[in-house]
PDB file of N, CA and C in Angstrom:
ATOM      1  N   MET A   1       9.315  42.664  57.805  1.00  0.00           N
ATOM      2  CA  MET A   1       9.130  42.414  56.417  1.00  0.00           C
ATOM      3  C   MET A   1       8.172  41.253  56.219  1.00  0.00           C
ATOM      4  N   ASN A   2       7.165  41.483  55.514  1.00  0.00           N
ATOM      5  CA  ASN A   2       6.195  40.437  55.227  1.00  0.00           C
ATOM      6  C   ASN A   2       6.581  39.750  53.922  1.00  0.00           C
ATOM      7  N   SER A   3       6.766  38.456  53.980  1.00  0.00           N
ATOM      8  CA  SER A   3       7.025  37.721  52.743  1.00  0.00           C
ATOM      9  C   SER A   3       5.763  36.972  52.360  1.00  0.00           C
ATOM     10  N   ILE A   4       5.431  37.091  51.146  1.00  0.00           N
ATOM     11  CA  ILE A   4       4.232  36.428  50.643  1.00  0.00           C
ATOM     12  C   ILE A   4       4.673  35.143  49.963  1.00  0.00           C
ATOM     13  N   HIS A   5       4.135  34.073  50.395  1.00  0.00           N
ATOM     14  CA  HIS A   5       4.463  32.761  49.826  1.00  0.00           C
ATOM     15  C   HIS A   5       3.444  32.448  48.741  1.00  0.00           C
ATOM     16  N   LEU A   6       3.922  32.442  47.492  1.00  0.00           N
ATOM     17  CA  LEU A   6       3.031  32.152  46.380  1.00  0.00           C
ATOM     18  C   LEU A   6       3.128  30.677  46.033  1.00  0.00           C
ATOM     19  N   SER A   7       2.039  30.088  45.743  1.00  0.00           N
ATOM     20  CA  SER A   7       2.000  28.672  45.389  1.00  0.00           C
ATOM     21  C   SER A   7       1.490  28.549  43.957  1.00  0.00           C
ATOM     22  N   TYR A   8       2.345  27.987  43.105  1.00  0.00           N
ATOM     23  CA  TYR A   8       1.973  27.783  41.710  1.00  0.00           C
ATOM     24  C   TYR A   8       1.695  26.301  41.479  1.00  0.00           C
ATOM     25  N   PRO A   9       0.768  26.001  40.591  1.00  0.00           N
ATOM     26  CA  PRO A   9       0.530  24.578  40.306  1.00  0.00           C
ATOM     27  C   PRO A   9       1.713  23.999  39.526  1.00  0.00           C
ATOM     28  N   LYS A  10       1.973  22.744  39.764  1.00  0.00           N
ATOM     29  CA  LYS A  10       3.068  22.074  39.065  1.00  0.00           C
ATOM     30  C   LYS A  10       2.672  21.849  37.611  1.00  0.00           C
ATOM     31  N   ALA A  11       3.630  22.109  36.733  1.00  0.00           N
ATOM     32  CA  ALA A  11       3.382  21.914  35.308  1.00  0.00           C
ATOM     33  C   ALA A  11       3.509  20.431  34.971  1.00  0.00           C
ATOM     34  N   THR A  12       2.721  20.001  34.035  1.00  0.00           N
ATOM     35  CA  THR A  12       2.805  18.610  33.586  1.00  0.00           C
ATOM     36  C   THR A  12       3.812  18.513  32.450  1.00  0.00           C
ATOM     37  N   LEU A  13       4.211  17.295  32.134  1.00  0.00           N
ATOM     38  CA  LEU A  13       5.162  17.088  31.048  1.00  0.00           C
ATOM     39  C   LEU A  13       4.589  17.543  29.710  1.00  0.00           C
ATOM     40  N   GLU A  14       3.299  17.347  29.521  1.00  0.00           N
ATOM     41  CA  GLU A  14       2.670  17.757  28.274  1.00  0.00           C
ATOM     42  C   GLU A  14       2.713  19.277  28.107  1.00  0.00           C
ATOM     43  N   GLU A  15       2.651  20.000  29.198  1.00  0.00           N
ATOM     44  CA  GLU A  15       2.724  21.456  29.123  1.00  0.00           C
ATOM     45  C   GLU A  15       4.115  21.928  28.711  1.00  0.00           C
ATOM     46  N   TYR A  16       5.116  21.122  28.970  1.00  0.00           N
ATOM     47  CA  TYR A  16       6.476  21.440  28.529  1.00  0.00           C
ATOM     48  C   TYR A  16       6.731  21.011  27.090  1.00  0.00           C
ATOM     49  N   GLY A  17       5.805  20.313  26.471  1.00  0.00           N
ATOM     50  CA  GLY A  17       5.947  19.885  25.085  1.00  0.00           C
ATOM     51  C   GLY A  17       6.330  18.427  24.933  1.00  0.00           C
ATOM     52  N   TYR A  18       6.348  17.675  26.020  1.00  0.00           N
ATOM     53  CA  TYR A  18       6.701  16.258  25.955  1.00  0.00           C
ATOM     54  C   TYR A  18       5.569  15.483  25.306  1.00  0.00           C
ATOM     55  N   LYS A  19       5.948  14.606  24.387  1.00  0.00           N
ATOM     56  CA  LYS A  19       4.964  13.732  23.754  1.00  0.00           C
ATOM     57  C   LYS A  19       5.395  12.298  23.987  1.00  0.00           C
ATOM     58  N   ASN A  20       4.462  11.482  24.333  1.00  0.00           N
ATOM     59  CA  ASN A  20       4.751  10.077  24.595  1.00  0.00           C
ATOM     60  C   ASN A  20       4.823   9.333  23.262  1.00  0.00           C
ATOM     61  N   HIS A  21       5.998   8.801  22.936  1.00  0.00           N
ATOM     62  CA  HIS A  21       6.217   8.130  21.659  1.00  0.00           C
ATOM     63  C   HIS A  21       6.317   6.618  21.812  1.00  0.00           C
ATOM     64  N   VAL A  22       5.753   6.067  22.851  1.00  0.00           N
ATOM     65  CA  VAL A  22       5.841   4.627  23.079  1.00  0.00           C
ATOM     66  C   VAL A  22       5.151   3.866  21.950  1.00  0.00           C
ATOM     67  N   ILE A  23       4.012   4.338  21.514  1.00  0.00           N
ATOM     68  CA  ILE A  23       3.275   3.659  20.446  1.00  0.00           C
ATOM     69  C   ILE A  23       4.061   3.728  19.138  1.00  0.00           C
ATOM     70  N   LEU A  24       4.634   4.894  18.832  1.00  0.00           N
ATOM     71  CA  LEU A  24       5.422   5.025  17.606  1.00  0.00           C
ATOM     72  C   LEU A  24       6.671   4.153  17.651  1.00  0.00           C
ATOM     73  N   LYS A  25       7.312   4.076  18.812  1.00  0.00           N
ATOM     74  CA  LYS A  25       8.502   3.228  18.940  1.00  0.00           C
ATOM     75  C   LYS A  25       8.140   1.764  18.761  1.00  0.00           C
ATOM     76  N   THR A  26       7.008   1.355  19.295  1.00  0.00           N
ATOM     77  CA  THR A  26       6.559  -0.026  19.141  1.00  0.00           C
ATOM     78  C   THR A  26       6.234  -0.328  17.683  1.00  0.00           C
ATOM     79  N   LEU A  27       5.539   0.578  17.027  1.00  0.00           N
ATOM     80  CA  LEU A  27       5.224   0.385  15.607  1.00  0.00           C
ATOM     81  C   LEU A  27       6.492   0.346  14.764  1.00  0.00           C
ATOM     82  N   TRP A  28       7.466   1.195  15.088  1.00  0.00           N
ATOM     83  CA  TRP A  28       8.720   1.210  14.339  1.00  0.00           C
ATOM     84  C   TRP A  28       9.480  -0.098  14.539  1.00  0.00           C
ATOM     85  N   ARG A  29       9.481  -0.629  15.759  1.00  0.00           N
ATOM     86  CA  ARG A  29      10.155  -1.895  16.038  1.00  0.00           C
ATOM     87  C   ARG A  29       9.496  -3.034  15.257  1.00  0.00           C
ATOM     88  N   ILE A  30       8.177  -3.039  15.183  1.00  0.00           N
ATOM     89  CA  ILE A  30       7.460  -4.067  14.421  1.00  0.00           C
ATOM     90  C   ILE A  30       7.742  -3.906  12.928  1.00  0.00           C
ATOM     91  N   LEU A  31       7.745  -2.669  12.438  1.00  0.00           N
ATOM     92  CA  LEU A  31       8.023  -2.416  11.027  1.00  0.00           C
ATOM     93  C   LEU A  31       9.440  -2.846  10.656  1.00  0.00           C
ATOM     94  N   LYS A  32      10.405  -2.591  11.537  1.00  0.00           N
ATOM     95  CA  LYS A  32      11.777  -3.021  11.264  1.00  0.00           C
ATOM     96  C   LYS A  32      11.868  -4.536  11.198  1.00  0.00           C
ATOM     97  N   ALA A  33      11.188  -5.218  12.116  1.00  0.00           N
ATOM     98  CA  ALA A  33      11.212  -6.682  12.108  1.00  0.00           C
ATOM     99  C   ALA A  33      10.572  -7.230  10.837  1.00  0.00           C
ATOM    100  N   LEU A  34       9.464  -6.638  10.413  1.00  0.00           N
ATOM    101  CA  LEU A  34       8.815  -7.071   9.176  1.00  0.00           C
ATOM    102  C   LEU A  34       9.689  -6.800   7.958  1.00  0.00           C
ATOM    103  N   LEU A  35      10.374  -5.678   7.950  1.00  0.00           N
ATOM    104  CA  LEU A  35      11.257  -5.341   6.834  1.00  0.00           C
ATOM    105  C   LEU A  35      12.435  -6.309   6.748  1.00  0.00           C
ATOM    106  N   VAL A  36      13.009  -6.657   7.882  1.00  0.00           N
ATOM    107  CA  VAL A  36      14.110  -7.628   7.892  1.00  0.00           C
ATOM    108  C   VAL A  36      13.607  -8.992   7.436  1.00  0.00           C
ATOM    109  N   ALA A  37      12.451  -9.413   7.938  1.00  0.00           N
ATOM    110  CA  ALA A  37      11.893 -10.708   7.545  1.00  0.00           C
ATOM    111  C   ALA A  37      11.585 -10.733   6.045  1.00  0.00           C
ATOM    112  N   PHE A  38      11.034  -9.657   5.519  1.00  0.00           N
ATOM    113  CA  PHE A  38      10.733  -9.587   4.089  1.00  0.00           C
ATOM    114  C   PHE A  38      12.009  -9.614   3.256  1.00  0.00           C
ATOM    115  N   SER A  39      13.043  -8.915   3.706  1.00  0.00           N
ATOM    116  CA  SER A  39      14.319  -8.901   2.978  1.00  0.00           C
ATOM    117  C   SER A  39      14.952 -10.281   2.944  1.00  0.00           C
ATOM    118  N   VAL A  40      14.943 -10.969   4.071  1.00  0.00           N
ATOM    119  CA  VAL A  40      15.502 -12.323   4.119  1.00  0.00           C
ATOM    120  C   VAL A  40      14.675 -13.255   3.243  1.00  0.00           C
ATOM    121  N   PHE A  41      13.364 -13.108   3.281  1.00  0.00           N
ATOM    122  CA  PHE A  41      12.493 -13.919   2.433  1.00  0.00           C
ATOM    123  C   PHE A  41      12.810 -13.698   0.957  1.00  0.00           C
ATOM    124  N   MET A  42      12.981 -12.452   0.553  1.00  0.00           N
ATOM    125  CA  MET A  42      13.268 -12.157  -0.850  1.00  0.00           C
ATOM    126  C   MET A  42      14.626 -12.703  -1.274  1.00  0.00           C
ATOM    127  N   LEU A  43      15.592 -12.717  -0.369  1.00  0.00           N
ATOM    128  CA  LEU A  43      16.903 -13.271  -0.696  1.00  0.00           C
ATOM    129  C   LEU A  43      16.835 -14.782  -0.883  1.00  0.00           C
ATOM    130  N   TYR A  44      16.124 -15.455   0.005  1.00  0.00           N
ATOM    131  CA  TYR A  44      16.088 -16.913  -0.053  1.00  0.00           C
ATOM    132  C   TYR A  44      15.095 -17.456  -1.067  1.00  0.00           C
ATOM    133  N   ILE A  45      14.059 -16.709  -1.408  1.00  0.00           N
ATOM    134  CA  ILE A  45      13.090 -17.218  -2.379  1.00  0.00           C
ATOM    135  C   ILE A  45      13.738 -17.387  -3.746  1.00  0.00           C
ATOM    136  N   SER A  46      14.708 -16.543  -4.080  1.00  0.00           N
ATOM    137  CA  SER A  46      15.387 -16.694  -5.367  1.00  0.00           C
ATOM    138  C   SER A  46      16.202 -17.983  -5.404  1.00  0.00           C
ATOM    139  N   ILE A  47      16.837 -18.328  -4.301  1.00  0.00           N
ATOM    140  CA  ILE A  47      17.602 -19.580  -4.244  1.00  0.00           C
ATOM    141  C   ILE A  47      16.667 -20.777  -4.370  1.00  0.00           C
ATOM    142  N   VAL A  48      15.540 -20.715  -3.706  1.00  0.00           N
ATOM    143  CA  VAL A  48      14.567 -21.812  -3.770  1.00  0.00           C
ATOM    144  C   VAL A  48      14.020 -21.950  -5.191  1.00  0.00           C
ATOM    145  N   LEU A  49      13.718 -20.838  -5.837  1.00  0.00           N
ATOM    146  CA  LEU A  49      13.191 -20.904  -7.205  1.00  0.00           C
ATOM    147  C   LEU A  49      14.220 -21.461  -8.183  1.00  0.00           C
ATOM    148  N   ILE A  50      15.480 -21.106  -8.019  1.00  0.00           N
ATOM    149  CA  ILE A  50      16.524 -21.666  -8.884  1.00  0.00           C
ATOM    150  C   ILE A  50      16.651 -23.165  -8.651  1.00  0.00           C
ATOM    151  N   ALA A  51      16.577 -23.585  -7.398  1.00  0.00           N
ATOM    152  CA  ALA A  51      16.660 -25.018  -7.104  1.00  0.00           C
ATOM    153  C   ALA A  51      15.478 -25.772  -7.707  1.00  0.00           C
ATOM    154  N   ILE A  52      14.295 -25.213  -7.639  1.00  0.00           N
ATOM    155  CA  ILE A  52      13.118 -25.863  -8.228  1.00  0.00           C
ATOM    156  C   ILE A  52      13.241 -25.907  -9.746  1.00  0.00           C
ATOM    157  N   GLN A  53      13.685 -24.815 -10.346  1.00  0.00           N
ATOM    158  CA  GLN A  53      13.816 -24.774 -11.804  1.00  0.00           C
ATOM    159  C   GLN A  53      14.916 -25.700 -12.315  1.00  0.00           C
ATOM    160  N   SER A  54      15.865 -26.067 -11.476  1.00  0.00           N
ATOM    161  CA  SER A  54      16.920 -26.970 -11.937  1.00  0.00           C
ATOM    162  C   SER A  54      16.382 -28.376 -12.195  1.00  0.00           C
ATOM    163  N   PHE A  55      15.227 -28.703 -11.645  1.00  0.00           N
ATOM    164  CA  PHE A  55      14.595 -30.003 -11.882  1.00  0.00           C
ATOM    165  C   PHE A  55      13.519 -29.938 -12.963  1.00  0.00           C
ATOM    166  N   ASN A  56      13.368 -28.805 -13.634  1.00  0.00           N
ATOM    167  CA  ASN A  56      12.358 -28.617 -14.669  1.00  0.00           C
ATOM    168  C   ASN A  56      12.803 -29.315 -15.950  1.00  0.00           C
ATOM    169  N   SER A  57      11.899 -30.050 -16.569  1.00  0.00           N
ATOM    170  CA  SER A  57      12.237 -30.739 -17.818  1.00  0.00           C
ATOM    171  C   SER A  57      12.118 -29.826 -19.032  1.00  0.00           C
ATOM    172  N   SER A  58      11.478 -28.686 -18.890  1.00  0.00           N
ATOM    173  CA  SER A  58      11.321 -27.753 -20.003  1.00  0.00           C
ATOM    174  C   SER A  58      12.537 -26.834 -20.085  1.00  0.00           C
ATOM    175  N   ALA A  59      12.866 -26.414 -21.295  1.00  0.00           N
ATOM    176  CA  ALA A  59      13.956 -25.450 -21.470  1.00  0.00           C
ATOM    177  C   ALA A  59      13.504 -24.047 -21.093  1.00  0.00           C
ATOM    178  N   SER A  60      12.209 -23.820 -21.122  1.00  0.00           N
ATOM    179  CA  SER A  60      11.656 -22.524 -20.757  1.00  0.00           C
ATOM    180  C   SER A  60      11.527 -22.431 -19.240  1.00  0.00           C
ATOM    181  N   THR A  61      11.892 -21.289 -18.694  1.00  0.00           N
ATOM    182  CA  THR A  61      11.777 -21.105 -17.243  1.00  0.00           C
ATOM    183  C   THR A  61      10.422 -20.547 -16.833  1.00  0.00           C
ATOM    184  N   THR A  62       9.583 -20.223 -17.801  1.00  0.00           N
ATOM    185  CA  THR A  62       8.283 -19.654 -17.465  1.00  0.00           C
ATOM    186  C   THR A  62       7.231 -20.709 -17.159  1.00  0.00           C
ATOM    187  N   GLU A  63       7.485 -21.960 -17.541  1.00  0.00           N
ATOM    188  CA  GLU A  63       6.524 -23.022 -17.249  1.00  0.00           C
ATOM    189  C   GLU A  63       7.260 -24.249 -16.726  1.00  0.00           C
ATOM    190  N   PHE A  64       6.630 -24.908 -15.797  1.00  0.00           N
ATOM    191  CA  PHE A  64       7.194 -26.122 -15.222  1.00  0.00           C
ATOM    192  C   PHE A  64       6.440 -27.297 -15.834  1.00  0.00           C
ATOM    193  N   THR A  65       7.106 -28.033 -16.733  1.00  0.00           N
ATOM    194  CA  THR A  65       6.409 -29.095 -17.460  1.00  0.00           C
ATOM    195  C   THR A  65       6.572 -30.464 -16.822  1.00  0.00           C
ATOM    196  N   GLY A  66       7.625 -30.663 -16.069  1.00  0.00           N
ATOM    197  CA  GLY A  66       7.813 -31.969 -15.450  1.00  0.00           C
ATOM    198  C   GLY A  66       9.071 -32.005 -14.609  1.00  0.00           C
ATOM    199  N   PHE A  67       9.192 -33.058 -13.830  1.00  0.00           N
ATOM    200  CA  PHE A  67      10.318 -33.221 -12.916  1.00  0.00           C
ATOM    201  C   PHE A  67      11.336 -34.157 -13.551  1.00  0.00           C
ATOM    202  N   THR A  68      12.605 -33.737 -13.583  1.00  0.00           N
ATOM    203  CA  THR A  68      13.636 -34.568 -14.186  1.00  0.00           C
ATOM    204  C   THR A  68      14.987 -34.317 -13.522  1.00  0.00           C
ATOM    205  N   PHE A  69      15.834 -35.344 -13.564  1.00  0.00           N
ATOM    206  CA  PHE A  69      17.219 -35.219 -13.124  1.00  0.00           C
ATOM    207  C   PHE A  69      18.167 -35.102 -14.316  1.00  0.00           C
ATOM    208  N   GLN A  70      17.629 -34.959 -15.517  1.00  0.00           N
ATOM    209  CA  GLN A  70      18.442 -34.969 -16.732  1.00  0.00           C
ATOM    210  C   GLN A  70      19.472 -33.833 -16.748  1.00  0.00           C
ATOM    211  N   ASN A  71      19.134 -32.700 -16.223  1.00  0.00           N
ATOM    212  CA  ASN A  71      20.098 -31.589 -16.187  1.00  0.00           C
ATOM    213  C   ASN A  71      21.321 -31.962 -15.357  1.00  0.00           C
ATOM    214  N   TYR A  72      21.113 -32.655 -14.251  1.00  0.00           N
ATOM    215  CA  TYR A  72      22.237 -33.063 -13.410  1.00  0.00           C
ATOM    216  C   TYR A  72      23.021 -34.211 -14.045  1.00  0.00           C
ATOM    217  N   VAL A  73      22.335 -35.114 -14.737  1.00  0.00           N
ATOM    218  CA  VAL A  73      23.029 -36.191 -15.456  1.00  0.00           C
ATOM    219  C   VAL A  73      23.921 -35.591 -16.534  1.00  0.00           C
ATOM    220  N   ASP A  74      23.399 -34.620 -17.283  1.00  0.00           N
ATOM    221  CA  ASP A  74      24.192 -33.956 -18.320  1.00  0.00           C
ATOM    222  C   ASP A  74      25.381 -33.207 -17.718  1.00  0.00           C
ATOM    223  N   MET A  75      25.157 -32.581 -16.602  1.00  0.00           N
ATOM    224  CA  MET A  75      26.225 -31.805 -15.986  1.00  0.00           C
ATOM    225  C   MET A  75      27.366 -32.704 -15.511  1.00  0.00           C
ATOM    226  N   PHE A  76      27.040 -33.826 -14.869  1.00  0.00           N
ATOM    227  CA  PHE A  76      28.085 -34.703 -14.350  1.00  0.00           C
ATOM    228  C   PHE A  76      28.687 -35.614 -15.416  1.00  0.00           C
ATOM    229  N   SER A  77      28.058 -35.708 -16.576  1.00  0.00           N
ATOM    230  CA  SER A  77      28.628 -36.535 -17.638  1.00  0.00           C
ATOM    231  C   SER A  77      29.662 -35.772 -18.467  1.00  0.00           C
ATOM    232  N   LYS A  78      29.690 -34.462 -18.379  1.00  0.00           N
ATOM    233  CA  LYS A  78      30.679 -33.666 -19.109  1.00  0.00           C
ATOM    234  C   LYS A  78      31.967 -33.599 -18.294  1.00  0.00           C
ATOM    235  N   ARG A  79      33.067 -34.014 -18.903  1.00  0.00           N
ATOM    236  CA  ARG A  79      34.349 -34.050 -18.194  1.00  0.00           C
ATOM    237  C   ARG A  79      34.848 -32.652 -17.849  1.00  0.00           C
ATOM    238  N   SER A  80      34.523 -31.676 -18.665  1.00  0.00           N
ATOM    239  CA  SER A  80      35.019 -30.321 -18.398  1.00  0.00           C
ATOM    240  C   SER A  80      34.401 -29.726 -17.134  1.00  0.00           C
ATOM    241  N   LEU A  81      33.222 -30.178 -16.761  1.00  0.00           N
ATOM    242  CA  LEU A  81      32.569 -29.667 -15.557  1.00  0.00           C
ATOM    243  C   LEU A  81      32.934 -30.451 -14.309  1.00  0.00           C
ATOM    244  N   THR A  82      33.386 -31.683 -14.460  1.00  0.00           N
ATOM    245  CA  THR A  82      33.700 -32.501 -13.285  1.00  0.00           C
ATOM    246  C   THR A  82      35.143 -32.364 -12.839  1.00  0.00           C
ATOM    247  N   ASN A  83      36.013 -31.832 -13.665  1.00  0.00           N
ATOM    248  CA  ASN A  83      37.426 -31.676 -13.271  1.00  0.00           C
ATOM    249  C   ASN A  83      37.654 -30.383 -12.561  1.00  0.00           C
TER     250      ASN A  83
END
C-alpha cells in the first residue's frame, strides 16, 4: 500500500479571523483614564467654585466684585447658626 504524504502550509492566525486588538485596548485604557479624570475634575470644580464664591462681596454669583470675609462674619454672628 502506497501512502501519499501530503504537506499543507500552516494557516496563520489572520486566516482564521484573528484580529490584533492591542491598539484598541490601549486606546480604550487611555480613554477610560481620561473619562475618570474628567469626572473627578467636574466633581471637584464645583466645590472649588462654591468656596471661591463664598468670599465674593457681590450678592450676584455671576460676577466677582471683591474679596470679603463678611459672609462668614454674618454666619458666625447669628446664634441660630452657631448652636
